[in-house]
């Protein structure tokens, strides 16, 4: 299995136009690994804030009693796209 740094490098290189990537713990909002970003764009802050977006959507799905999961979330800003893609394994969600 590839390590976190290898996966982040691969994602940054293979997603055209990507300037930063982060692997984030869904329960805490803590970035487990980041790569890229810039002085004016702190990936750890983006990770924590976007975790709140995922949590809000999951609460909405629950209130609507929808038995479904998030595939991805796209946030379109004036000069950036933020793509949030929850990862799951057999034992965990998000």
PDB file of N, CA and C in Angstrom:
ATOM      1  N   UNK A   1       0.841  -1.179   0.000  1.00  0.00           N
ATOM      2  CA  UNK A   1       0.000   0.000   0.000  1.00  0.00           C
ATOM      3  C   UNK A   1       0.883   1.237   0.000  1.00  0.00           C
ATOM      4  N   UNK A   2       0.525   2.217  -0.806  1.00  0.00           N
ATOM      5  CA  UNK A   2       1.301   3.451  -0.907  1.00  0.00           C
ATOM      6  C   UNK A   2       1.140   4.296   0.353  1.00  0.00           C
ATOM      7  N   UNK A   3       2.192   5.051   0.676  1.00  0.00           N
ATOM      8  CA  UNK A   3       2.081   5.906   1.854  1.00  0.00           C
ATOM      9  C   UNK A   3       1.380   7.217   1.503  1.00  0.00           C
ATOM     10  N   UNK A   4       1.063   8.000   2.512  1.00  0.00           N
ATOM     11  CA  UNK A   4       0.311   9.238   2.325  1.00  0.00           C
ATOM     12  C   UNK A   4       1.026  10.204   1.397  1.00  0.00           C
ATOM     13  N   UNK A   5       2.321  10.398   1.594  1.00  0.00           N
ATOM     14  CA  UNK A   5       3.072  11.345   0.767  1.00  0.00           C
ATOM     15  C   UNK A   5       3.043  10.943  -0.705  1.00  0.00           C
ATOM     16  N   UNK A   6       3.205   9.655  -0.984  1.00  0.00           N
ATOM     17  CA  UNK A   6       3.168   9.169  -2.360  1.00  0.00           C
ATOM     18  C   UNK A   6       1.799   9.420  -2.977  1.00  0.00           C
ATOM     19  N   UNK A   7       0.740   9.147  -2.231  1.00  0.00           N
ATOM     20  CA  UNK A   7      -0.620   9.365  -2.733  1.00  0.00           C
ATOM     21  C   UNK A   7      -0.888  10.839  -3.002  1.00  0.00           C
ATOM     22  N   UNK A   8      -0.433  11.721  -2.114  1.00  0.00           N
ATOM     23  CA  UNK A   8      -0.623  13.158  -2.302  1.00  0.00           C
ATOM     24  C   UNK A   8       0.133  13.649  -3.535  1.00  0.00           C
ATOM     25  N   UNK A   9       1.384  13.185  -3.708  1.00  0.00           N
ATOM     26  CA  UNK A   9       2.174  13.564  -4.885  1.00  0.00           C
ATOM     27  C   UNK A   9       1.484  13.111  -6.168  1.00  0.00           C
ATOM     28  N   UNK A  10       0.979  11.890  -6.150  1.00  0.00           N
ATOM     29  CA  UNK A  10       0.297  11.336  -7.319  1.00  0.00           C
ATOM     30  C   UNK A  10      -0.968  12.148  -7.644  1.00  0.00           C
ATOM     31  N   UNK A  11      -1.735  12.494  -6.627  1.00  0.00           N
ATOM     32  CA  UNK A  11      -2.961  13.270  -6.846  1.00  0.00           C
ATOM     33  C   UNK A  11      -2.625  14.651  -7.401  1.00  0.00           C
ATOM     34  N   UNK A  12      -1.633  15.298  -6.825  1.00  0.00           N
ATOM     35  CA  UNK A  12      -1.254  16.636  -7.269  1.00  0.00           C
ATOM     36  C   UNK A  12      -0.756  16.616  -8.709  1.00  0.00           C
ATOM     37  N   UNK A  13      -0.027  15.572  -9.071  1.00  0.00           N
ATOM     38  CA  UNK A  13       0.519  15.474 -10.426  1.00  0.00           C
ATOM     39  C   UNK A  13      -0.536  15.061 -11.456  1.00  0.00           C
ATOM     40  N   UNK A  14      -1.505  14.277 -11.049  1.00  0.00           N
ATOM     41  CA  UNK A  14      -2.451  13.717 -12.018  1.00  0.00           C
ATOM     42  C   UNK A  14      -3.729  14.539 -12.194  1.00  0.00           C
ATOM     43  N   UNK A  15      -3.998  15.472 -11.305  1.00  0.00           N
ATOM     44  CA  UNK A  15      -5.188  16.316 -11.435  1.00  0.00           C
ATOM     45  C   UNK A  15      -4.762  17.617 -12.102  1.00  0.00           C
ATOM     46  N   UNK A  16      -5.149  17.773 -13.354  1.00  0.00           N
ATOM     47  CA  UNK A  16      -4.726  18.932 -14.135  1.00  0.00           C
ATOM     48  C   UNK A  16      -5.136  20.235 -13.452  1.00  0.00           C
ATOM     49  N   UNK A  17      -4.183  21.118 -13.258  1.00  0.00           N
ATOM     50  CA  UNK A  17      -4.450  22.418 -12.664  1.00  0.00           C
ATOM     51  C   UNK A  17      -4.454  22.444 -11.147  1.00  0.00           C
ATOM     52  N   UNK A  18      -4.294  21.289 -10.506  1.00  0.00           N
ATOM     53  CA  UNK A  18      -4.313  21.252  -9.039  1.00  0.00           C
ATOM     54  C   UNK A  18      -3.122  22.013  -8.475  1.00  0.00           C
ATOM     55  N   UNK A  19      -3.371  22.814  -7.461  1.00  0.00           N
ATOM     56  CA  UNK A  19      -2.294  23.554  -6.799  1.00  0.00           C
ATOM     57  C   UNK A  19      -2.058  23.065  -5.376  1.00  0.00           C
ATOM     58  N   UNK A  20      -2.978  22.242  -4.863  1.00  0.00           N
ATOM     59  CA  UNK A  20      -2.825  21.704  -3.524  1.00  0.00           C
ATOM     60  C   UNK A  20      -3.766  20.545  -3.299  1.00  0.00           C
ATOM     61  N   UNK A  21      -3.341  19.621  -2.447  1.00  0.00           N
ATOM     62  CA  UNK A  21      -4.167  18.482  -2.067  1.00  0.00           C
ATOM     63  C   UNK A  21      -4.006  18.231  -0.571  1.00  0.00           C
ATOM     64  N   UNK A  22      -5.037  17.644   0.023  1.00  0.00           N
ATOM     65  CA  UNK A  22      -4.977  17.334   1.451  1.00  0.00           C
ATOM     66  C   UNK A  22      -5.731  16.042   1.721  1.00  0.00           C
ATOM     67  N   UNK A  23      -5.212  15.265   2.654  1.00  0.00           N
ATOM     68  CA  UNK A  23      -5.909  14.098   3.179  1.00  0.00           C
ATOM     69  C   UNK A  23      -6.341  14.492   4.583  1.00  0.00           C
ATOM     70  N   UNK A  24      -7.660  14.418   4.835  1.00  0.00           N
ATOM     71  CA  UNK A  24      -8.214  14.999   6.055  1.00  0.00           C
ATOM     72  C   UNK A  24      -8.998  13.953   6.836  1.00  0.00           C
ATOM     73  N   UNK A  25      -8.825  13.958   8.158  1.00  0.00           N
ATOM     74  CA  UNK A  25      -9.624  13.097   9.025  1.00  0.00           C
ATOM     75  C   UNK A  25     -11.008  13.720   9.190  1.00  0.00           C
ATOM     76  N   UNK A  26     -12.012  12.991   8.774  1.00  0.00           N
ATOM     77  CA  UNK A  26     -13.393  13.489   8.784  1.00  0.00           C
ATOM     78  C   UNK A  26     -13.877  13.822  10.192  1.00  0.00           C
ATOM     79  N   UNK A  27     -13.524  13.032  11.174  1.00  0.00           N
ATOM     80  CA  UNK A  27     -14.062  13.249  12.515  1.00  0.00           C
ATOM     81  C   UNK A  27     -13.481  14.479  13.196  1.00  0.00           C
ATOM     82  N   UNK A  28     -12.207  14.768  12.962  1.00  0.00           N
ATOM     83  CA  UNK A  28     -11.574  15.900  13.643  1.00  0.00           C
ATOM     84  C   UNK A  28     -11.389  17.126  12.754  1.00  0.00           C
ATOM     85  N   UNK A  29     -11.377  16.935  11.439  1.00  0.00           N
ATOM     86  CA  UNK A  29     -11.084  18.035  10.522  1.00  0.00           C
ATOM     87  C   UNK A  29      -9.602  18.299  10.386  1.00  0.00           C
ATOM     88  N   UNK A  30      -8.784  17.461  11.023  1.00  0.00           N
ATOM     89  CA  UNK A  30      -7.338  17.646  10.992  1.00  0.00           C
ATOM     90  C   UNK A  30      -6.741  17.092   9.700  1.00  0.00           C
ATOM     91  N   UNK A  31      -5.864  17.870   9.088  1.00  0.00           N
ATOM     92  CA  UNK A  31      -5.171  17.415   7.889  1.00  0.00           C
ATOM     93  C   UNK A  31      -4.124  16.382   8.278  1.00  0.00           C
ATOM     94  N   UNK A  32      -4.235  15.187   7.705  1.00  0.00           N
ATOM     95  CA  UNK A  32      -3.264  14.122   7.964  1.00  0.00           C
ATOM     96  C   UNK A  32      -2.048  14.273   7.061  1.00  0.00           C
ATOM     97  N   UNK A  33      -2.238  14.974   5.967  1.00  0.00           N
ATOM     98  CA  UNK A  33      -1.146  15.249   5.046  1.00  0.00           C
ATOM     99  C   UNK A  33      -1.584  16.284   4.048  1.00  0.00           C
ATOM    100  N   UNK A  34      -0.674  17.166   3.664  1.00  0.00           N
ATOM    101  CA  UNK A  34      -0.976  18.178   2.649  1.00  0.00           C
ATOM    102  C   UNK A  34       0.213  18.286   1.706  1.00  0.00           C
ATOM    103  N   UNK A  35      -0.069  18.793   0.521  1.00  0.00           N
ATOM    104  CA  UNK A  35       0.989  19.053  -0.447  1.00  0.00           C
ATOM    105  C   UNK A  35       0.528  20.194  -1.339  1.00  0.00           C
ATOM    106  N   UNK A  36       1.431  21.111  -1.602  1.00  0.00           N
ATOM    107  CA  UNK A  36       1.085  22.258  -2.429  1.00  0.00           C
ATOM    108  C   UNK A  36       0.521  23.378  -1.578  1.00  0.00           C
ATOM    109  N   UNK A  37      -0.446  24.086  -2.138  1.00  0.00           N
ATOM    110  CA  UNK A  37      -0.974  25.257  -1.460  1.00  0.00           C
ATOM    111  C   UNK A  37      -0.068  26.443  -1.743  1.00  0.00           C
ATOM    112  N   UNK A  38      -0.224  27.483  -0.983  1.00  0.00           N
ATOM    113  CA  UNK A  38       0.608  28.668  -1.157  1.00  0.00           C
ATOM    114  C   UNK A  38       0.611  29.465   0.137  1.00  0.00           C
ATOM    115  N   UNK A  39       1.416  30.513   0.155  1.00  0.00           N
ATOM    116  CA  UNK A  39       1.478  31.363   1.344  1.00  0.00           C
ATOM    117  C   UNK A  39       0.109  31.959   1.660  1.00  0.00           C
ATOM    118  N   UNK A  40      -0.657  32.302   0.616  1.00  0.00           N
ATOM    119  CA  UNK A  40      -1.969  32.902   0.798  1.00  0.00           C
ATOM    120  C   UNK A  40      -3.105  31.897   0.895  1.00  0.00           C
ATOM    121  N   UNK A  41      -2.794  30.615   0.790  1.00  0.00           N
ATOM    122  CA  UNK A  41      -3.837  29.582   0.845  1.00  0.00           C
ATOM    123  C   UNK A  41      -3.368  28.446   1.743  1.00  0.00           C
ATOM    124  N   UNK A  42      -3.827  28.447   2.969  1.00  0.00           N
ATOM    125  CA  UNK A  42      -3.428  27.465   3.975  1.00  0.00           C
ATOM    126  C   UNK A  42      -4.316  26.230   3.864  1.00  0.00           C
ATOM    127  N   UNK A  43      -3.728  25.127   3.424  1.00  0.00           N
ATOM    128  CA  UNK A  43      -4.492  23.896   3.230  1.00  0.00           C
ATOM    129  C   UNK A  43      -5.064  23.340   4.534  1.00  0.00           C
ATOM    130  N   UNK A  44      -4.411  23.573   5.661  1.00  0.00           N
ATOM    131  CA  UNK A  44      -4.946  23.040   6.921  1.00  0.00           C
ATOM    132  C   UNK A  44      -6.221  23.779   7.326  1.00  0.00           C
ATOM    133  N   UNK A  45      -6.280  25.071   7.033  1.00  0.00           N
ATOM    134  CA  UNK A  45      -7.512  25.831   7.314  1.00  0.00           C
ATOM    135  C   UNK A  45      -8.620  25.381   6.370  1.00  0.00           C
ATOM    136  N   UNK A  46      -8.291  25.206   5.092  1.00  0.00           N
ATOM    137  CA  UNK A  46      -9.275  24.723   4.117  1.00  0.00           C
ATOM    138  C   UNK A  46      -9.781  23.341   4.511  1.00  0.00           C
ATOM    139  N   UNK A  47      -8.892  22.491   4.989  1.00  0.00           N
ATOM    140  CA  UNK A  47      -9.275  21.138   5.402  1.00  0.00           C
ATOM    141  C   UNK A  47     -10.303  21.185   6.528  1.00  0.00           C
ATOM    142  N   UNK A  48     -10.032  21.980   7.543  1.00  0.00           N
ATOM    143  CA  UNK A  48     -10.953  22.070   8.685  1.00  0.00           C
ATOM    144  C   UNK A  48     -12.296  22.657   8.255  1.00  0.00           C
ATOM    145  N   UNK A  49     -12.265  23.720   7.471  1.00  0.00           N
ATOM    146  CA  UNK A  49     -13.509  24.360   7.040  1.00  0.00           C
ATOM    147  C   UNK A  49     -14.336  23.473   6.128  1.00  0.00           C
ATOM    148  N   UNK A  50     -13.691  22.798   5.210  1.00  0.00           N
ATOM    149  CA  UNK A  50     -14.434  21.943   4.284  1.00  0.00           C
ATOM    150  C   UNK A  50     -14.960  20.684   4.959  1.00  0.00           C
ATOM    151  N   UNK A  51     -14.353  20.287   6.065  1.00  0.00           N
ATOM    152  CA  UNK A  51     -14.910  19.181   6.851  1.00  0.00           C
ATOM    153  C   UNK A  51     -16.284  19.578   7.390  1.00  0.00           C
ATOM    154  N   UNK A  52     -16.439  20.843   7.776  1.00  0.00           N
ATOM    155  CA  UNK A  52     -17.743  21.325   8.232  1.00  0.00           C
ATOM    156  C   UNK A  52     -18.787  21.238   7.125  1.00  0.00           C
ATOM    157  N   UNK A  53     -18.374  21.493   5.879  1.00  0.00           N
ATOM    158  CA  UNK A  53     -19.289  21.376   4.736  1.00  0.00           C
ATOM    159  C   UNK A  53     -19.766  19.927   4.595  1.00  0.00           C
ATOM    160  N   UNK A  54     -18.844  18.990   4.699  1.00  0.00           N
ATOM    161  CA  UNK A  54     -19.195  17.564   4.580  1.00  0.00           C
ATOM    162  C   UNK A  54     -20.135  17.161   5.711  1.00  0.00           C
ATOM    163  N   UNK A  55     -19.821  17.566   6.919  1.00  0.00           N
ATOM    164  CA  UNK A  55     -20.682  17.223   8.063  1.00  0.00           C
ATOM    165  C   UNK A  55     -22.090  17.769   7.878  1.00  0.00           C
ATOM    166  N   UNK A  56     -22.196  19.010   7.397  1.00  0.00           N
ATOM    167  CA  UNK A  56     -23.512  19.618   7.182  1.00  0.00           C
ATOM    168  C   UNK A  56     -24.308  18.823   6.148  1.00  0.00           C
ATOM    169  N   UNK A  57     -23.659  18.405   5.090  1.00  0.00           N
ATOM    170  CA  UNK A  57     -24.365  17.642   4.053  1.00  0.00           C
ATOM    171  C   UNK A  57     -24.783  16.272   4.584  1.00  0.00           C
ATOM    172  N   UNK A  58     -23.937  15.649   5.376  1.00  0.00           N
ATOM    173  CA  UNK A  58     -24.307  14.347   5.956  1.00  0.00           C
ATOM    174  C   UNK A  58     -25.498  14.483   6.905  1.00  0.00           C
ATOM    175  N   UNK A  59     -25.528  15.574   7.681  1.00  0.00           N
ATOM    176  CA  UNK A  59     -26.685  15.818   8.562  1.00  0.00           C
ATOM    177  C   UNK A  59     -27.950  16.010   7.732  1.00  0.00           C
ATOM    178  N   UNK A  60     -27.834  16.713   6.616  1.00  0.00           N
ATOM    179  CA  UNK A  60     -28.982  16.929   5.738  1.00  0.00           C
ATOM    180  C   UNK A  60     -29.478  15.615   5.155  1.00  0.00           C
ATOM    181  N   UNK A  61     -28.563  14.778   4.704  1.00  0.00           N
ATOM    182  CA  UNK A  61     -28.959  13.462   4.193  1.00  0.00           C
ATOM    183  C   UNK A  61     -29.706  12.659   5.262  1.00  0.00           C
ATOM    184  N   UNK A  62     -29.213  12.749   6.490  1.00  0.00           N
ATOM    185  CA  UNK A  62     -29.846  12.029   7.601  1.00  0.00           C
ATOM    186  C   UNK A  62     -31.245  12.573   7.884  1.00  0.00           C
ATOM    187  N   UNK A  63     -31.389  13.905   7.918  1.00  0.00           N
ATOM    188  CA  UNK A  63     -32.698  14.514   8.181  1.00  0.00           C
ATOM    189  C   UNK A  63     -33.698  14.166   7.085  1.00  0.00           C
ATOM    190  N   UNK A  64     -33.211  14.057   5.862  1.00  0.00           N
ATOM    191  CA  UNK A  64     -34.081  13.691   4.739  1.00  0.00           C
ATOM    192  C   UNK A  64     -34.329  12.185   4.663  1.00  0.00           C
ATOM    193  N   UNK A  65     -33.683  11.450   5.567  1.00  0.00           N
ATOM    194  CA  UNK A  65     -33.794   9.984   5.619  1.00  0.00           C
ATOM    195  C   UNK A  65     -33.381   9.340   4.289  1.00  0.00           C
ATOM    196  N   UNK A  66     -32.349   9.922   3.675  1.00  0.00           N
ATOM    197  CA  UNK A  66     -31.818   9.371   2.434  1.00  0.00           C
ATOM    198  C   UNK A  66     -30.709   8.376   2.766  1.00  0.00           C
ATOM    199  N   UNK A  67     -30.826   7.195   2.296  1.00  0.00           N
ATOM    200  CA  UNK A  67     -29.808   6.157   2.511  1.00  0.00           C
ATOM    201  C   UNK A  67     -28.823   6.226   1.355  1.00  0.00           C
ATOM    202  N   UNK A  68     -28.014   7.251   1.383  1.00  0.00           N
ATOM    203  CA  UNK A  68     -27.077   7.487   0.289  1.00  0.00           C
ATOM    204  C   UNK A  68     -25.788   8.043   0.874  1.00  0.00           C
ATOM    205  N   UNK A  69     -24.793   8.196   0.038  1.00  0.00           N
ATOM    206  CA  UNK A  69     -23.523   8.734   0.505  1.00  0.00           C
ATOM    207  C   UNK A  69     -23.048   9.825  -0.458  1.00  0.00           C
ATOM    208  N   UNK A  70     -22.127  10.623   0.013  1.00  0.00           N
ATOM    209  CA  UNK A  70     -21.566  11.696  -0.805  1.00  0.00           C
ATOM    210  C   UNK A  70     -20.509  11.098  -1.721  1.00  0.00           C
ATOM    211  N   UNK A  71     -20.643  11.350  -3.005  1.00  0.00           N
ATOM    212  CA  UNK A  71     -19.599  10.928  -3.939  1.00  0.00           C
ATOM    213  C   UNK A  71     -18.520  12.005  -3.998  1.00  0.00           C
ATOM    214  N   UNK A  72     -18.920  13.230  -4.248  1.00  0.00           N
ATOM    215  CA  UNK A  72     -17.996  14.360  -4.164  1.00  0.00           C
ATOM    216  C   UNK A  72     -18.796  15.648  -4.036  1.00  0.00           C
ATOM    217  N   UNK A  73     -18.104  16.696  -3.623  1.00  0.00           N
ATOM    218  CA  UNK A  73     -18.693  18.023  -3.496  1.00  0.00           C
ATOM    219  C   UNK A  73     -17.780  18.981  -4.240  1.00  0.00           C
ATOM    220  N   UNK A  74     -18.362  19.808  -5.096  1.00  0.00           N
ATOM    221  CA  UNK A  74     -17.599  20.806  -5.839  1.00  0.00           C
ATOM    222  C   UNK A  74     -18.018  22.188  -5.367  1.00  0.00           C
ATOM    223  N   UNK A  75     -17.047  22.971  -4.932  1.00  0.00           N
ATOM    224  CA  UNK A  75     -17.288  24.349  -4.540  1.00  0.00           C
ATOM    225  C   UNK A  75     -16.569  25.216  -5.564  1.00  0.00           C
ATOM    226  N   UNK A  76     -17.335  26.046  -6.252  1.00  0.00           N
ATOM    227  CA  UNK A  76     -16.782  26.898  -7.298  1.00  0.00           C
ATOM    228  C   UNK A  76     -16.631  28.312  -6.766  1.00  0.00           C
ATOM    229  N   UNK A  77     -15.394  28.795  -6.724  1.00  0.00           N
ATOM    230  CA  UNK A  77     -15.102  30.163  -6.309  1.00  0.00           C
ATOM    231  C   UNK A  77     -14.764  30.981  -7.558  1.00  0.00           C
ATOM    232  N   UNK A  78     -14.549  32.250  -7.407  1.00  0.00           N
ATOM    233  CA  UNK A  78     -14.216  33.096  -8.547  1.00  0.00           C
ATOM    234  C   UNK A  78     -12.947  32.664  -9.257  1.00  0.00           C
ATOM    235  N   UNK A  79     -11.949  32.240  -8.503  1.00  0.00           N
ATOM    236  CA  UNK A  79     -10.670  31.886  -9.113  1.00  0.00           C
ATOM    237  C   UNK A  79     -10.187  30.488  -8.789  1.00  0.00           C
ATOM    238  N   UNK A  80     -11.015  29.676  -8.124  1.00  0.00           N
ATOM    239  CA  UNK A  80     -10.593  28.332  -7.718  1.00  0.00           C
ATOM    240  C   UNK A  80     -11.776  27.383  -7.719  1.00  0.00           C
ATOM    241  N   UNK A  81     -11.463  26.121  -7.822  1.00  0.00           N
ATOM    242  CA  UNK A  81     -12.427  25.054  -7.575  1.00  0.00           C
ATOM    243  C   UNK A  81     -11.912  24.274  -6.371  1.00  0.00           C
ATOM    244  N   UNK A  82     -12.796  23.940  -5.455  1.00  0.00           N
ATOM    245  CA  UNK A  82     -12.457  23.060  -4.342  1.00  0.00           C
ATOM    246  C   UNK A  82     -13.268  21.785  -4.535  1.00  0.00           C
ATOM    247  N   UNK A  83     -12.574  20.674  -4.678  1.00  0.00           N
ATOM    248  CA  UNK A  83     -13.232  19.384  -4.857  1.00  0.00           C
ATOM    249  C   UNK A  83     -13.019  18.575  -3.586  1.00  0.00           C
ATOM    250  N   UNK A  84     -14.123  18.142  -2.994  1.00  0.00           N
ATOM    251  CA  UNK A  84     -14.077  17.343  -1.768  1.00  0.00           C
ATOM    252  C   UNK A  84     -14.557  15.946  -2.128  1.00  0.00           C
ATOM    253  N   UNK A  85     -13.737  14.960  -1.874  1.00  0.00           N
ATOM    254  CA  UNK A  85     -14.081  13.569  -2.222  1.00  0.00           C
ATOM    255  C   UNK A  85     -13.858  12.696  -0.987  1.00  0.00           C
ATOM    256  N   UNK A  86     -14.928  12.368  -0.263  1.00  0.00           N
ATOM    257  CA  UNK A  86     -14.774  11.489   0.902  1.00  0.00           C
ATOM    258  C   UNK A  86     -14.286  10.110   0.467  1.00  0.00           C
ATOM    259  N   UNK A  87     -13.382   9.555   1.231  1.00  0.00           N
ATOM    260  CA  UNK A  87     -12.867   8.201   0.979  1.00  0.00           C
ATOM    261  C   UNK A  87     -13.408   7.283   2.056  1.00  0.00           C
ATOM    262  N   UNK A  88     -13.729   6.079   1.682  1.00  0.00           N
ATOM    263  CA  UNK A  88     -14.204   5.108   2.653  1.00  0.00           C
ATOM    264  C   UNK A  88     -13.426   3.813   2.513  1.00  0.00           C
ATOM    265  N   UNK A  89     -13.396   3.062   3.582  1.00  0.00           N
ATOM    266  CA  UNK A  89     -12.831   1.730   3.553  1.00  0.00           C
ATOM    267  C   UNK A  89     -13.891   0.766   4.075  1.00  0.00           C
ATOM    268  N   UNK A  90     -13.550  -0.450   4.193  1.00  0.00           N
ATOM    269  CA  UNK A  90     -14.521  -1.424   4.699  1.00  0.00           C
ATOM    270  C   UNK A  90     -14.949  -1.122   6.128  1.00  0.00           C
ATOM    271  N   UNK A  91     -14.044  -0.510   6.900  1.00  0.00           N
ATOM    272  CA  UNK A  91     -14.308  -0.296   8.322  1.00  0.00           C
ATOM    273  C   UNK A  91     -14.720   1.128   8.678  1.00  0.00           C
ATOM    274  N   UNK A  92     -14.522   2.062   7.781  1.00  0.00           N
ATOM    275  CA  UNK A  92     -14.780   3.457   8.139  1.00  0.00           C
ATOM    276  C   UNK A  92     -15.474   4.205   7.018  1.00  0.00           C
ATOM    277  N   UNK A  93     -16.006   5.374   7.365  1.00  0.00           N
ATOM    278  CA  UNK A  93     -16.575   6.295   6.390  1.00  0.00           C
ATOM    279  C   UNK A  93     -15.811   7.589   6.487  1.00  0.00           C
ATOM    280  N   UNK A  94     -15.682   8.272   5.355  1.00  0.00           N
ATOM    281  CA  UNK A  94     -15.081   9.607   5.347  1.00  0.00           C
ATOM    282  C   UNK A  94     -13.607   9.617   5.564  1.00  0.00           C
TER     283      UNK A  94
END
